[in-house]
Amino acid sequence: MIPSRILPGFAKALLALICMVSCNRQSPEKETSPETPASALAKVGSITILQSDLDLRLKEHYSSRTDASSREAALADLVKRAQFSQAALDAGMAEDPIVRDELSRFLAARLRERELNPKLEKQQEISEERLKELYQNEITRFQAPEKRQVAVLWLNPGIDPDKAERYAEKMQSAREFFLQSQDLIDHPEKGFSVLSIDHSEHQASRYKGGVIGWLEAQGGIDKWTKAVAEIAFSVEPTGSTSEIIVRPEGVFLVRLMEIRPAITRPFEAVAPQLGKLERERLRQEVEAAFERDIETRYPVKMGAP
């Protein structure tokens, strides 16, 4: 926000600018004395209407027509707006905090439009060499890790060692039954089939053949899933089972049903995404440099002058 106590005459001129949209705006290539602009068409109080104002009015509201009737009507619009703007100035509205806030917002946006946008538009296309460099640097982002689909039999003895021993024996019986069932061996998709009903306490998979779905090597967020994943990634080949595993999380028998190998998305598939991200990064760098330059050129002085 621009305090009204700073350059009050300038603030009033800016109020006229925001009220009239274009009045008192002059091309930087043709700067003249603000008291007697060479392209002045009319003056209302402290507000001067320039030829450039009329040209803009004709372009935006009269389809760029330049006939005498259109020019006369457009100039009349500008004069009327100037009269209201001058009345607002005389009423002290340059000191209104809402007006100052709007002026600050408008000027900041206009500055960005005139000085920052051309820099952003000059951004060059990202070369393929640069994109490939980014691809190699961030290759892990485009990799999908190996996943394994498993079935689990699980019994929970808690902290009772005798119970853990009995459960391990019970699980061993289930494993021996499995190894003697050619139908189960030949069909990994069945998991543990009906064995899970009597040999598992995992409610979510007990009536689904023990199938719990796909796991990555690190497992999930809970200790139980991490334990299952650790066991699953020690089992080979597809269709086979682990040994009976007794851990603090319980007694496990895990079957590997299917492996989904790790894959890496090819460069060609991700190049557009990399280009978009790199352009945005460069854009942010240009914007940050622009803001730093403004902050350096105009340091803040807090408190009264």
C-alpha atoms as a PDB file:
ATOM      1  CA  MET A   1       0.000   0.000   0.000  1.00  0.00           C
ATOM      2  CA  ILE A   2       1.264   3.508  -0.840  1.00  0.00           C
ATOM      3  CA  PRO A   3       0.826   5.870   2.159  1.00  0.00           C
ATOM      4  CA  SER A   4      -0.915   9.099   1.206  1.00  0.00           C
ATOM      5  CA  ARG A   5       1.694  11.120   3.114  1.00  0.00           C
ATOM      6  CA  ILE A   6       4.300  10.063   0.593  1.00  0.00           C
ATOM      7  CA  LEU A   7       4.230  12.232  -2.506  1.00  0.00           C
ATOM      8  CA  PRO A   8       0.621  13.394  -2.092  1.00  0.00           C
ATOM      9  CA  GLY A   9       0.549  15.076  -5.492  1.00  0.00           C
ATOM     10  CA  PHE A  10       1.627  11.847  -7.117  1.00  0.00           C
ATOM     11  CA  ALA A  11      -1.002   9.911  -5.189  1.00  0.00           C
ATOM     12  CA  LYS A  12      -3.681  12.241  -6.480  1.00  0.00           C
ATOM     13  CA  ALA A  13      -2.493  11.792 -10.031  1.00  0.00           C
ATOM     14  CA  LEU A  14      -2.665   8.046  -9.512  1.00  0.00           C
ATOM     15  CA  LEU A  15      -6.228   8.355  -8.255  1.00  0.00           C
ATOM     16  CA  ALA A  16      -7.117  10.050 -11.503  1.00  0.00           C
ATOM     17  CA  LEU A  17      -5.384   7.240 -13.321  1.00  0.00           C
ATOM     18  CA  ILE A  18      -7.347   4.500 -11.595  1.00  0.00           C
ATOM     19  CA  CYS A  19     -10.634   6.352 -11.990  1.00  0.00           C
ATOM     20  CA  MET A  20     -10.123   7.152 -15.663  1.00  0.00           C
ATOM     21  CA  VAL A  21      -8.364   3.888 -16.535  1.00  0.00           C
ATOM     22  CA  SER A  22      -6.030   5.622 -18.988  1.00  0.00           C
ATOM     23  CA  CYS A  23      -6.002   9.377 -18.428  1.00  0.00           C
ATOM     24  CA  ASN A  24      -2.636  10.982 -17.629  1.00  0.00           C
ATOM     25  CA  ARG A  25      -0.850   7.927 -19.118  1.00  0.00           C
ATOM     26  CA  GLN A  26       1.839   8.810 -21.614  1.00  0.00           C
ATOM     27  CA  SER A  27       4.059   6.720 -23.852  1.00  0.00           C
ATOM     28  CA  PRO A  28       7.594   6.435 -22.422  1.00  0.00           C
ATOM     29  CA  GLU A  29       9.001   6.970 -25.889  1.00  0.00           C
ATOM     30  CA  LYS A  30       7.447  10.459 -26.095  1.00  0.00           C
ATOM     31  CA  GLU A  31       7.847  12.030 -22.682  1.00  0.00           C
ATOM     32  CA  THR A  32       6.949  15.723 -22.503  1.00  0.00           C
ATOM     33  CA  SER A  33       6.414  18.244 -19.744  1.00  0.00           C
ATOM     34  CA  PRO A  34       3.521  17.154 -17.474  1.00  0.00           C
ATOM     35  CA  GLU A  35       2.286  20.765 -17.422  1.00  0.00           C
ATOM     36  CA  THR A  36       1.900  21.080 -21.199  1.00  0.00           C
ATOM     37  CA  PRO A  37       1.858  17.694 -22.920  1.00  0.00           C
ATOM     38  CA  ALA A  38       2.160  18.001 -26.661  1.00  0.00           C
ATOM     39  CA  SER A  39      -0.658  15.528 -27.186  1.00  0.00           C
ATOM     40  CA  ALA A  40      -3.077  17.187 -24.737  1.00  0.00           C
ATOM     41  CA  LEU A  41      -6.678  17.252 -25.986  1.00  0.00           C
ATOM     42  CA  ALA A  42      -8.458  18.670 -22.944  1.00  0.00           C
ATOM     43  CA  LYS A  43      -7.890  19.503 -19.303  1.00  0.00           C
ATOM     44  CA  VAL A  44     -10.241  19.247 -16.326  1.00  0.00           C
ATOM     45  CA  GLY A  45      -8.715  20.662 -13.167  1.00  0.00           C
ATOM     46  CA  SER A  46      -5.464  18.768 -12.621  1.00  0.00           C
ATOM     47  CA  ILE A  47      -6.371  16.032 -15.087  1.00  0.00           C
ATOM     48  CA  THR A  48      -5.116  16.193 -18.655  1.00  0.00           C
ATOM     49  CA  ILE A  49      -6.666  14.040 -21.370  1.00  0.00           C
ATOM     50  CA  LEU A  50      -4.057  12.910 -23.890  1.00  0.00           C
ATOM     51  CA  GLN A  51      -4.284  11.698 -27.453  1.00  0.00           C
ATOM     52  CA  SER A  52      -3.140   8.273 -26.236  1.00  0.00           C
ATOM     53  CA  ASP A  53      -6.152   8.186 -23.901  1.00  0.00           C
ATOM     54  CA  LEU A  54      -8.473   8.863 -26.803  1.00  0.00           C
ATOM     55  CA  ASP A  55      -6.768   6.238 -28.947  1.00  0.00           C
ATOM     56  CA  LEU A  56      -7.226   3.641 -26.206  1.00  0.00           C
ATOM     57  CA  ARG A  57     -10.866   4.615 -25.684  1.00  0.00           C
ATOM     58  CA  LEU A  58     -11.568   4.250 -29.407  1.00  0.00           C
ATOM     59  CA  LYS A  59      -9.842   0.872 -29.491  1.00  0.00           C
ATOM     60  CA  GLU A  60     -11.588  -0.601 -26.461  1.00  0.00           C
ATOM     61  CA  HIS A  61     -15.069   0.881 -26.816  1.00  0.00           C
ATOM     62  CA  TYR A  62     -15.496   1.943 -30.440  1.00  0.00           C
ATOM     63  CA  SER A  63     -13.936  -0.967 -32.330  1.00  0.00           C
ATOM     64  CA  SER A  64     -10.985   1.283 -33.284  1.00  0.00           C
ATOM     65  CA  ARG A  65     -13.176   3.505 -35.404  1.00  0.00           C
ATOM     66  CA  THR A  66     -11.622   6.923 -36.065  1.00  0.00           C
ATOM     67  CA  ASP A  67     -14.464   8.773 -37.744  1.00  0.00           C
ATOM     68  CA  ALA A  68     -15.370  12.190 -36.375  1.00  0.00           C
ATOM     69  CA  SER A  69     -18.538  10.978 -34.660  1.00  0.00           C
ATOM     70  CA  SER A  70     -16.730   8.188 -32.797  1.00  0.00           C
ATOM     71  CA  ARG A  71     -13.867  10.461 -31.762  1.00  0.00           C
ATOM     72  CA  GLU A  72     -16.303  13.078 -30.470  1.00  0.00           C
ATOM     73  CA  ALA A  73     -18.267  10.527 -28.444  1.00  0.00           C
ATOM     74  CA  ALA A  74     -15.100   8.945 -27.049  1.00  0.00           C
ATOM     75  CA  LEU A  75     -13.681  12.305 -26.034  1.00  0.00           C
ATOM     76  CA  ALA A  76     -16.964  13.185 -24.340  1.00  0.00           C
ATOM     77  CA  ASP A  77     -16.683   9.936 -22.336  1.00  0.00           C
ATOM     78  CA  LEU A  78     -13.185  10.868 -21.206  1.00  0.00           C
ATOM     79  CA  VAL A  79     -14.174  14.406 -20.279  1.00  0.00           C
ATOM     80  CA  LYS A  80     -17.068  13.187 -18.167  1.00  0.00           C
ATOM     81  CA  ARG A  81     -14.864  10.668 -16.419  1.00  0.00           C
ATOM     82  CA  ALA A  82     -12.242  13.357 -15.808  1.00  0.00           C
ATOM     83  CA  GLN A  83     -14.875  15.619 -14.252  1.00  0.00           C
ATOM     84  CA  PHE A  84     -15.935  12.903 -11.814  1.00  0.00           C
ATOM     85  CA  SER A  85     -12.311  12.056 -11.093  1.00  0.00           C
ATOM     86  CA  GLN A  86     -11.477  15.674 -10.318  1.00  0.00           C
ATOM     87  CA  ALA A  87     -14.538  15.894  -8.087  1.00  0.00           C
ATOM     88  CA  ALA A  88     -13.284  12.819  -6.226  1.00  0.00           C
ATOM     89  CA  LEU A  89      -9.868  14.391  -5.824  1.00  0.00           C
ATOM     90  CA  ASP A  90     -11.369  17.609  -4.513  1.00  0.00           C
ATOM     91  CA  ALA A  91     -13.444  15.571  -2.046  1.00  0.00           C
ATOM     92  CA  GLY A  92     -10.207  14.188  -0.559  1.00  0.00           C
ATOM     93  CA  MET A  93     -10.711  10.641  -1.799  1.00  0.00           C
ATOM     94  CA  ALA A  94      -7.000  10.310  -2.498  1.00  0.00           C
ATOM     95  CA  GLU A  95      -6.705   9.764   1.257  1.00  0.00           C
ATOM     96  CA  ASP A  96      -9.323   7.001   1.357  1.00  0.00           C
ATOM     97  CA  PRO A  97      -7.671   3.708   2.469  1.00  0.00           C
ATOM     98  CA  ILE A  98      -9.767   1.716  -0.009  1.00  0.00           C
ATOM     99  CA  VAL A  99      -8.547   3.943  -2.833  1.00  0.00           C
ATOM    100  CA  ARG A 100      -4.934   3.628  -1.674  1.00  0.00           C
ATOM    101  CA  ASP A 101      -5.313  -0.124  -1.520  1.00  0.00           C
ATOM    102  CA  GLU A 102      -6.704  -0.229  -5.056  1.00  0.00           C
ATOM    103  CA  LEU A 103      -3.924   2.039  -6.287  1.00  0.00           C
ATOM    104  CA  SER A 104      -1.316  -0.216  -4.741  1.00  0.00           C
ATOM    105  CA  ARG A 105      -2.866  -3.311  -6.281  1.00  0.00           C
ATOM    106  CA  PHE A 106      -3.296  -1.681  -9.684  1.00  0.00           C
ATOM    107  CA  LEU A 107       0.252  -0.302  -9.831  1.00  0.00           C
ATOM    108  CA  ALA A 108       1.815  -3.602  -8.767  1.00  0.00           C
ATOM    109  CA  ALA A 109      -0.152  -5.465 -11.434  1.00  0.00           C
ATOM    110  CA  ARG A 110       0.714  -2.869 -14.077  1.00  0.00           C
ATOM    111  CA  LEU A 111       4.398  -2.982 -13.169  1.00  0.00           C
ATOM    112  CA  ARG A 112       4.429  -6.754 -13.516  1.00  0.00           C
ATOM    113  CA  GLU A 113       2.643  -6.484 -16.834  1.00  0.00           C
ATOM    114  CA  ARG A 114       5.118  -3.997 -18.262  1.00  0.00           C
ATOM    115  CA  GLU A 115       8.414  -5.172 -16.765  1.00  0.00           C
ATOM    116  CA  LEU A 116       8.010  -8.790 -15.665  1.00  0.00           C
ATOM    117  CA  ASN A 117       5.808 -10.293 -18.377  1.00  0.00           C
ATOM    118  CA  PRO A 118       8.250  -9.499 -21.233  1.00  0.00           C
ATOM    119  CA  LYS A 119      10.975 -11.341 -19.313  1.00  0.00           C
ATOM    120  CA  LEU A 120       8.707 -14.340 -18.826  1.00  0.00           C
ATOM    121  CA  GLU A 121       7.759 -14.369 -22.499  1.00  0.00           C
ATOM    122  CA  LYS A 122      11.425 -14.549 -23.483  1.00  0.00           C
ATOM    123  CA  GLN A 123      11.755 -17.963 -21.877  1.00  0.00           C
ATOM    124  CA  GLN A 124      13.409 -20.327 -24.289  1.00  0.00           C
ATOM    125  CA  GLU A 125      12.175 -23.826 -25.021  1.00  0.00           C
ATOM    126  CA  ILE A 126      13.854 -26.439 -22.833  1.00  0.00           C
ATOM    127  CA  SER A 127      16.378 -28.439 -24.833  1.00  0.00           C
ATOM    128  CA  GLU A 128      16.136 -32.211 -25.085  1.00  0.00           C
ATOM    129  CA  GLU A 129      19.607 -32.458 -23.553  1.00  0.00           C
ATOM    130  CA  ARG A 130      18.404 -30.565 -20.480  1.00  0.00           C
ATOM    131  CA  LEU A 131      15.284 -32.708 -20.244  1.00  0.00           C
ATOM    132  CA  LYS A 132      17.368 -35.883 -20.359  1.00  0.00           C
ATOM    133  CA  GLU A 133      19.598 -34.484 -17.626  1.00  0.00           C
ATOM    134  CA  LEU A 134      16.535 -33.843 -15.467  1.00  0.00           C
ATOM    135  CA  TYR A 135      15.247 -37.319 -16.245  1.00  0.00           C
ATOM    136  CA  GLN A 136      18.464 -38.961 -15.042  1.00  0.00           C
ATOM    137  CA  ASN A 137      18.638 -36.761 -11.947  1.00  0.00           C
ATOM    138  CA  GLU A 138      15.079 -37.633 -10.945  1.00  0.00           C
ATOM    139  CA  ILE A 139      14.857 -41.170 -12.297  1.00  0.00           C
ATOM    140  CA  THR A 140      13.411 -42.533  -9.047  1.00  0.00           C
ATOM    141  CA  ARG A 141      10.291 -40.381  -9.585  1.00  0.00           C
ATOM    142  CA  PHE A 142       9.525 -42.387 -12.699  1.00  0.00           C
ATOM    143  CA  GLN A 143      10.138 -45.823 -11.268  1.00  0.00           C
ATOM    144  CA  ALA A 144       7.450 -48.132  -9.944  1.00  0.00           C
ATOM    145  CA  PRO A 145       8.938 -50.631  -7.457  1.00  0.00           C
ATOM    146  CA  GLU A 146       8.400 -54.356  -7.606  1.00  0.00           C
ATOM    147  CA  LYS A 147       5.131 -55.501  -6.068  1.00  0.00           C
ATOM    148  CA  ARG A 148       4.098 -58.911  -4.855  1.00  0.00           C
ATOM    149  CA  GLN A 149       0.637 -60.337  -4.396  1.00  0.00           C
ATOM    150  CA  VAL A 150       0.468 -62.668  -1.436  1.00  0.00           C
ATOM    151  CA  ALA A 151      -1.786 -64.824   0.674  1.00  0.00           C
ATOM    152  CA  VAL A 152      -1.235 -65.112   4.420  1.00  0.00           C
ATOM    153  CA  LEU A 153      -2.098 -67.503   7.209  1.00  0.00           C
ATOM    154  CA  TRP A 154      -1.637 -65.785  10.559  1.00  0.00           C
ATOM    155  CA  LEU A 155      -2.212 -66.802  14.141  1.00  0.00           C
ATOM    156  CA  ASN A 156      -1.680 -64.475  17.078  1.00  0.00           C
ATOM    157  CA  PRO A 157      -0.302 -66.084  20.251  1.00  0.00           C
ATOM    158  CA  GLY A 158       0.359 -62.750  21.924  1.00  0.00           C
ATOM    159  CA  ILE A 159       3.213 -62.976  24.430  1.00  0.00           C
ATOM    160  CA  ASP A 160       2.477 -66.590  25.447  1.00  0.00           C
ATOM    161  CA  PRO A 161       5.473 -68.748  24.299  1.00  0.00           C
ATOM    162  CA  ASP A 162       3.598 -72.039  24.816  1.00  0.00           C
ATOM    163  CA  LYS A 163       0.748 -70.766  22.678  1.00  0.00           C
ATOM    164  CA  ALA A 164       3.223 -69.638  20.050  1.00  0.00           C
ATOM    165  CA  GLU A 165       4.700 -73.134  19.941  1.00  0.00           C
ATOM    166  CA  ARG A 166       1.259 -74.735  19.537  1.00  0.00           C
ATOM    167  CA  TYR A 167       0.337 -72.264  16.821  1.00  0.00           C
ATOM    168  CA  ALA A 168       3.579 -72.972  14.990  1.00  0.00           C
ATOM    169  CA  GLU A 169       2.753 -76.703  15.029  1.00  0.00           C
ATOM    170  CA  LYS A 170      -0.748 -75.971  13.760  1.00  0.00           C
ATOM    171  CA  MET A 171       0.651 -73.796  10.994  1.00  0.00           C
ATOM    172  CA  GLN A 172       3.144 -76.515  10.056  1.00  0.00           C
ATOM    173  CA  SER A 173       0.240 -78.921   9.576  1.00  0.00           C
ATOM    174  CA  ALA A 174      -1.381 -76.407   7.249  1.00  0.00           C
ATOM    175  CA  ARG A 175       1.832 -76.067   5.258  1.00  0.00           C
ATOM    176  CA  GLU A 176       2.182 -79.839   4.905  1.00  0.00           C
ATOM    177  CA  PHE A 177      -1.428 -80.061   3.709  1.00  0.00           C
ATOM    178  CA  PHE A 178      -0.710 -77.330   1.196  1.00  0.00           C
ATOM    179  CA  LEU A 179       2.405 -79.073  -0.128  1.00  0.00           C
ATOM    180  CA  GLN A 180       0.396 -82.277  -0.632  1.00  0.00           C
ATOM    181  CA  SER A 181      -2.384 -80.513  -2.564  1.00  0.00           C
ATOM    182  CA  GLN A 182      -1.466 -80.469  -6.236  1.00  0.00           C
ATOM    183  CA  ASP A 183      -4.518 -78.349  -7.003  1.00  0.00           C
ATOM    184  CA  LEU A 184      -3.306 -75.560  -4.696  1.00  0.00           C
ATOM    185  CA  ILE A 185       0.253 -75.844  -5.965  1.00  0.00           C
ATOM    186  CA  ASP A 186      -0.917 -75.549  -9.585  1.00  0.00           C
ATOM    187  CA  HIS A 187      -3.165 -72.528  -8.902  1.00  0.00           C
ATOM    188  CA  PRO A 188      -1.350 -69.699  -7.116  1.00  0.00           C
ATOM    189  CA  GLU A 189      -4.392 -67.482  -7.634  1.00  0.00           C
ATOM    190  CA  LYS A 190      -6.272 -69.538  -5.013  1.00  0.00           C
ATOM    191  CA  GLY A 191      -3.907 -68.449  -2.254  1.00  0.00           C
ATOM    192  CA  PHE A 192      -4.437 -70.842   0.638  1.00  0.00           C
ATOM    193  CA  SER A 193      -8.043 -71.571  -0.312  1.00  0.00           C
ATOM    194  CA  VAL A 194     -10.079 -73.107   2.533  1.00  0.00           C
ATOM    195  CA  LEU A 195      -7.017 -73.474   4.775  1.00  0.00           C
ATOM    196  CA  SER A 196      -7.351 -69.822   5.766  1.00  0.00           C
ATOM    197  CA  ILE A 197     -10.690 -70.353   7.505  1.00  0.00           C
ATOM    198  CA  ASP A 198      -9.203 -72.591  10.226  1.00  0.00           C
ATOM    199  CA  HIS A 199      -5.619 -71.386  10.181  1.00  0.00           C
ATOM    200  CA  SER A 200      -5.837 -67.610  10.159  1.00  0.00           C
ATOM    201  CA  GLU A 201      -7.050 -64.891  12.509  1.00  0.00           C
ATOM    202  CA  HIS A 202      -6.666 -62.134   9.944  1.00  0.00           C
ATOM    203  CA  GLN A 203     -10.296 -61.131   9.526  1.00  0.00           C
ATOM    204  CA  ALA A 204      -9.895 -59.189   6.296  1.00  0.00           C
ATOM    205  CA  SER A 205      -8.458 -62.176   4.391  1.00  0.00           C
ATOM    206  CA  ARG A 206      -9.641 -65.207   6.373  1.00  0.00           C
ATOM    207  CA  TYR A 207     -12.571 -65.934   4.072  1.00  0.00           C
ATOM    208  CA  LYS A 208     -10.684 -64.947   0.910  1.00  0.00           C
ATOM    209  CA  GLY A 209      -8.097 -67.689   0.834  1.00  0.00           C
ATOM    210  CA  GLY A 210      -5.776 -65.521   2.896  1.00  0.00           C
ATOM    211  CA  VAL A 211      -5.258 -63.136  -0.049  1.00  0.00           C
ATOM    212  CA  ILE A 212      -4.311 -59.627   1.118  1.00  0.00           C
ATOM    213  CA  GLY A 213      -3.353 -58.069  -2.206  1.00  0.00           C
ATOM    214  CA  TRP A 214      -0.231 -56.341  -3.475  1.00  0.00           C
ATOM    215  CA  LEU A 215       2.716 -55.288  -1.317  1.00  0.00           C
ATOM    216  CA  GLU A 216       5.902 -53.326  -1.911  1.00  0.00           C
ATOM    217  CA  ALA A 217       9.100 -54.323  -0.141  1.00  0.00           C
ATOM    218  CA  GLN A 218       8.678 -51.758   2.631  1.00  0.00           C
ATOM    219  CA  GLY A 219       5.142 -52.940   3.395  1.00  0.00           C
ATOM    220  CA  GLY A 220       2.556 -50.616   4.888  1.00  0.00           C
ATOM    221  CA  ILE A 221       2.492 -48.271   7.848  1.00  0.00           C
ATOM    222  CA  ASP A 222       1.710 -50.941  10.460  1.00  0.00           C
ATOM    223  CA  LYS A 223       4.075 -53.563  11.852  1.00  0.00           C
ATOM    224  CA  TRP A 224       1.917 -56.468  10.722  1.00  0.00           C
ATOM    225  CA  THR A 225       2.006 -55.481   7.041  1.00  0.00           C
ATOM    226  CA  LYS A 226       5.719 -54.746   7.238  1.00  0.00           C
ATOM    227  CA  ALA A 227       6.284 -58.241   8.638  1.00  0.00           C
ATOM    228  CA  VAL A 228       4.247 -59.840   5.843  1.00  0.00           C
ATOM    229  CA  ALA A 229       6.133 -57.834   3.187  1.00  0.00           C
ATOM    230  CA  GLU A 230       9.503 -58.823   4.629  1.00  0.00           C
ATOM    231  CA  ILE A 231       8.550 -62.475   4.478  1.00  0.00           C
ATOM    232  CA  ALA A 232       6.935 -62.165   1.026  1.00  0.00           C
ATOM    233  CA  PHE A 233      10.071 -60.685  -0.524  1.00  0.00           C
ATOM    234  CA  SER A 234      12.106 -63.629   0.748  1.00  0.00           C
ATOM    235  CA  VAL A 235       9.918 -66.182  -1.019  1.00  0.00           C
ATOM    236  CA  GLU A 236      10.748 -67.581  -4.471  1.00  0.00           C
ATOM    237  CA  PRO A 237       9.430 -68.702  -6.914  1.00  0.00           C
ATOM    238  CA  THR A 238       5.845 -67.675  -7.606  1.00  0.00           C
ATOM    239  CA  GLY A 239       3.368 -70.095  -6.087  1.00  0.00           C
ATOM    240  CA  SER A 240       5.634 -71.293  -3.278  1.00  0.00           C
ATOM    241  CA  THR A 241       5.322 -70.637   0.448  1.00  0.00           C
ATOM    242  CA  SER A 242       7.592 -69.447   3.175  1.00  0.00           C
ATOM    243  CA  GLU A 243       8.689 -71.556   6.114  1.00  0.00           C
ATOM    244  CA  ILE A 244       6.710 -71.120   9.327  1.00  0.00           C
ATOM    245  CA  ILE A 245       7.802 -67.735  10.661  1.00  0.00           C
ATOM    246  CA  VAL A 246       7.368 -66.853  14.334  1.00  0.00           C
ATOM    247  CA  ARG A 247       7.785 -63.150  15.035  1.00  0.00           C
ATOM    248  CA  PRO A 248       6.634 -60.732  17.714  1.00  0.00           C
ATOM    249  CA  GLU A 249       3.758 -59.881  15.352  1.00  0.00           C
ATOM    250  CA  GLY A 250       2.552 -63.508  15.330  1.00  0.00           C
ATOM    251  CA  VAL A 251       2.957 -66.837  13.535  1.00  0.00           C
ATOM    252  CA  PHE A 252       3.016 -66.501   9.722  1.00  0.00           C
ATOM    253  CA  LEU A 253       2.810 -68.651   6.633  1.00  0.00           C
ATOM    254  CA  VAL A 254       3.038 -66.563   3.468  1.00  0.00           C
ATOM    255  CA  ARG A 255       2.425 -67.666  -0.115  1.00  0.00           C
ATOM    256  CA  LEU A 256       3.772 -65.720  -3.103  1.00  0.00           C
ATOM    257  CA  MET A 257       0.995 -65.592  -5.677  1.00  0.00           C
ATOM    258  CA  GLU A 258       2.334 -63.235  -8.349  1.00  0.00           C
ATOM    259  CA  ILE A 259       5.173 -60.784  -8.992  1.00  0.00           C
ATOM    260  CA  ARG A 260       4.751 -57.445 -10.715  1.00  0.00           C
ATOM    261  CA  PRO A 261       8.302 -56.422 -11.755  1.00  0.00           C
ATOM    262  CA  ALA A 262       9.671 -52.949 -11.144  1.00  0.00           C
ATOM    263  CA  ILE A 263       9.275 -50.678 -14.166  1.00  0.00           C
ATOM    264  CA  THR A 264      10.759 -47.350 -15.231  1.00  0.00           C
ATOM    265  CA  ARG A 265       8.712 -44.984 -17.361  1.00  0.00           C
ATOM    266  CA  PRO A 266      10.692 -44.152 -20.513  1.00  0.00           C
ATOM    267  CA  PHE A 267      12.064 -40.679 -21.167  1.00  0.00           C
ATOM    268  CA  GLU A 268       9.722 -40.124 -24.107  1.00  0.00           C
ATOM    269  CA  ALA A 269       6.686 -40.669 -21.885  1.00  0.00           C
ATOM    270  CA  VAL A 270       7.706 -38.145 -19.237  1.00  0.00           C
ATOM    271  CA  ALA A 271       9.503 -35.509 -21.348  1.00  0.00           C
ATOM    272  CA  PRO A 272       6.375 -33.267 -21.632  1.00  0.00           C
ATOM    273  CA  GLN A 273       5.910 -33.366 -17.863  1.00  0.00           C
ATOM    274  CA  LEU A 274       9.594 -32.592 -17.274  1.00  0.00           C
ATOM    275  CA  GLY A 275       9.406 -29.676 -19.698  1.00  0.00           C
ATOM    276  CA  LYS A 276       6.387 -28.227 -17.965  1.00  0.00           C
ATOM    277  CA  LEU A 277       7.997 -28.497 -14.522  1.00  0.00           C
ATOM    278  CA  GLU A 278      11.268 -26.971 -15.730  1.00  0.00           C
ATOM    279  CA  ARG A 279       9.506 -24.040 -17.378  1.00  0.00           C
ATOM    280  CA  GLU A 280       7.592 -23.404 -14.177  1.00  0.00           C
ATOM    281  CA  ARG A 281      10.825 -23.552 -12.169  1.00  0.00           C
ATOM    282  CA  LEU A 282      12.493 -21.037 -14.486  1.00  0.00           C
ATOM    283  CA  ARG A 283       9.419 -18.841 -14.349  1.00  0.00           C
ATOM    284  CA  GLN A 284       9.551 -18.812 -10.558  1.00  0.00           C
ATOM    285  CA  GLU A 285      13.249 -17.923 -10.687  1.00  0.00           C
ATOM    286  CA  VAL A 286      12.553 -14.936 -12.955  1.00  0.00           C
ATOM    287  CA  GLU A 287       9.693 -13.781 -10.718  1.00  0.00           C
ATOM    288  CA  ALA A 288      11.816 -14.150  -7.580  1.00  0.00           C
ATOM    289  CA  ALA A 289      14.683 -12.175  -9.152  1.00  0.00           C
ATOM    290  CA  PHE A 290      12.238  -9.463 -10.211  1.00  0.00           C
ATOM    291  CA  GLU A 291      10.851  -9.161  -6.685  1.00  0.00           C
ATOM    292  CA  ARG A 292      14.336  -9.125  -5.132  1.00  0.00           C
ATOM    293  CA  ASP A 293      15.344  -6.305  -7.453  1.00  0.00           C
ATOM    294  CA  ILE A 294      12.299  -4.243  -6.448  1.00  0.00           C
ATOM    295  CA  GLU A 295      12.924  -4.897  -2.754  1.00  0.00           C
ATOM    296  CA  THR A 296      16.584  -3.850  -3.130  1.00  0.00           C
ATOM    297  CA  ARG A 297      15.775  -0.677  -5.037  1.00  0.00           C
ATOM    298  CA  TYR A 298      13.065   0.394  -2.607  1.00  0.00           C
ATOM    299  CA  PRO A 299      14.035  -0.425   0.993  1.00  0.00           C
ATOM    300  CA  VAL A 300      11.411  -0.061   3.709  1.00  0.00           C
ATOM    301  CA  LYS A 301      11.518   2.735   6.281  1.00  0.00           C
ATOM    302  CA  MET A 302       9.220   1.939   9.164  1.00  0.00           C
ATOM    303  CA  GLY A 303       7.525   4.563  11.311  1.00  0.00           C
ATOM    304  CA  ALA A 304       7.218   8.305  10.810  1.00  0.00           C
ATOM    305  CA  PRO A 305       9.458   9.975   8.197  1.00  0.00           C
END
